[in-house]
C-alpha cells in the first residue's frame, strides 16, 4: 500500500468506530500508547505480531494529520 492512510480503517461496528489498523481490532490509540510508554517500533511489532512496520508508520501519519488543524486567530 503506497498510501499510509489506507492502512487505517474506521468501521462503526468495530471498536466503537475508533480508527484501527487494516480492519483488525488493533486501535490506533493502542499503538500510540505503546510508543508513548517508550517502546521502540520493534518492541511494538513484537508486542502486536499482526502489525507490520508500515502499519506503525501509518498510525503516526494518521495521528499527525489529526492534530494538524488550522488555528484561527482573531
Protein backbone atom coordinates (compact mmCIF):
# COMPACT_ATOMS: atom_id res chain seq x y z
CA UNK A 1 0.00 0.00 0.00
CA UNK A 2 1.56 3.24 -1.12
CA UNK A 3 -0.83 5.47 0.79
CA UNK A 4 -0.20 5.02 4.53
CA UNK A 5 -3.66 6.36 5.35
CA UNK A 6 -5.21 3.39 3.52
CA UNK A 7 -3.92 1.18 6.35
CA UNK A 8 -6.16 2.98 8.84
CA UNK A 9 -9.79 1.88 8.82
CA UNK A 10 -12.84 3.19 10.61
CA UNK A 11 -15.81 0.87 10.94
CA UNK A 12 -18.74 1.92 13.14
CA UNK A 13 -19.34 -1.75 14.00
CA UNK A 14 -15.78 -2.37 15.19
CA UNK A 15 -14.09 -0.99 18.31
CA UNK A 16 -16.82 1.59 18.73
CA UNK A 17 -15.94 3.26 15.44
CA UNK A 18 -12.42 4.12 16.61
CA UNK A 19 -9.64 4.12 14.00
CA UNK A 20 -7.99 0.70 13.66
CA UNK A 21 -5.15 -0.79 11.66
CA UNK A 22 -6.11 -2.66 8.48
CA UNK A 23 -9.51 -3.69 9.77
CA UNK A 24 -8.02 -5.56 12.72
CA UNK A 25 -9.03 -4.88 16.29
CA UNK A 26 -5.77 -3.05 16.91
CA UNK A 27 -6.74 0.55 17.54
CA UNK A 28 -4.55 3.46 16.53
CA UNK A 29 -4.58 4.63 20.13
CA UNK A 30 -3.23 1.25 21.29
CA UNK A 31 -0.17 1.61 19.09
CA UNK A 32 0.29 5.24 20.12
CA UNK A 33 0.05 4.29 23.80
CA UNK A 34 2.78 1.67 23.41
CA UNK A 35 5.04 4.17 21.67
CA UNK A 36 4.28 6.79 24.34
CA UNK A 37 5.31 4.29 27.02
CA UNK A 38 8.73 4.23 25.41
CA UNK A 39 8.55 1.04 23.39
CA UNK A 40 10.59 1.06 20.21
CA UNK A 41 8.96 0.30 16.90
CA UNK A 42 10.44 -3.19 17.02
CA UNK A 43 9.08 -3.73 20.52
CA UNK A 44 5.61 -2.66 19.35
CA UNK A 45 5.87 -5.13 16.47
CA UNK A 46 6.94 -7.85 18.91
CA UNK A 47 4.03 -6.99 21.24
CA UNK A 48 1.50 -6.95 18.37
CA UNK A 49 2.79 -9.55 15.88
CA UNK A 50 -0.03 -8.95 13.38
CA UNK A 51 1.30 -5.44 12.77
CA UNK A 52 3.76 -4.57 10.04
CA UNK A 53 6.36 -1.81 10.15
CA UNK A 54 4.31 0.19 7.64
CA UNK A 55 1.32 0.00 10.00
CA UNK A 56 3.25 1.81 12.73
CA UNK A 57 4.23 4.50 10.23
CA UNK A 58 0.60 4.78 9.14
CA UNK A 59 -0.51 5.22 12.77
CA UNK A 60 1.99 8.05 13.24
CA UNK A 61 0.96 9.64 9.95
CA UNK A 62 -2.73 9.38 10.91
CA UNK A 63 -2.11 10.95 14.32
CA UNK A 64 -0.08 13.77 12.81
CA UNK A 65 -2.85 14.54 10.30
CA UNK A 66 -5.49 14.51 13.04
CA UNK A 67 -3.51 17.03 15.07
CA UNK A 68 -2.64 19.29 12.14
CA UNK A 69 -5.69 21.52 12.01
CA UNK A 70 -5.89 25.21 11.20
CA UNK A 71 -5.85 27.63 14.09
CA UNK A 72 -8.00 30.72 13.64
CA UNK A 73 -6.52 33.89 15.04
CA UNK A 74 -8.82 36.76 15.90
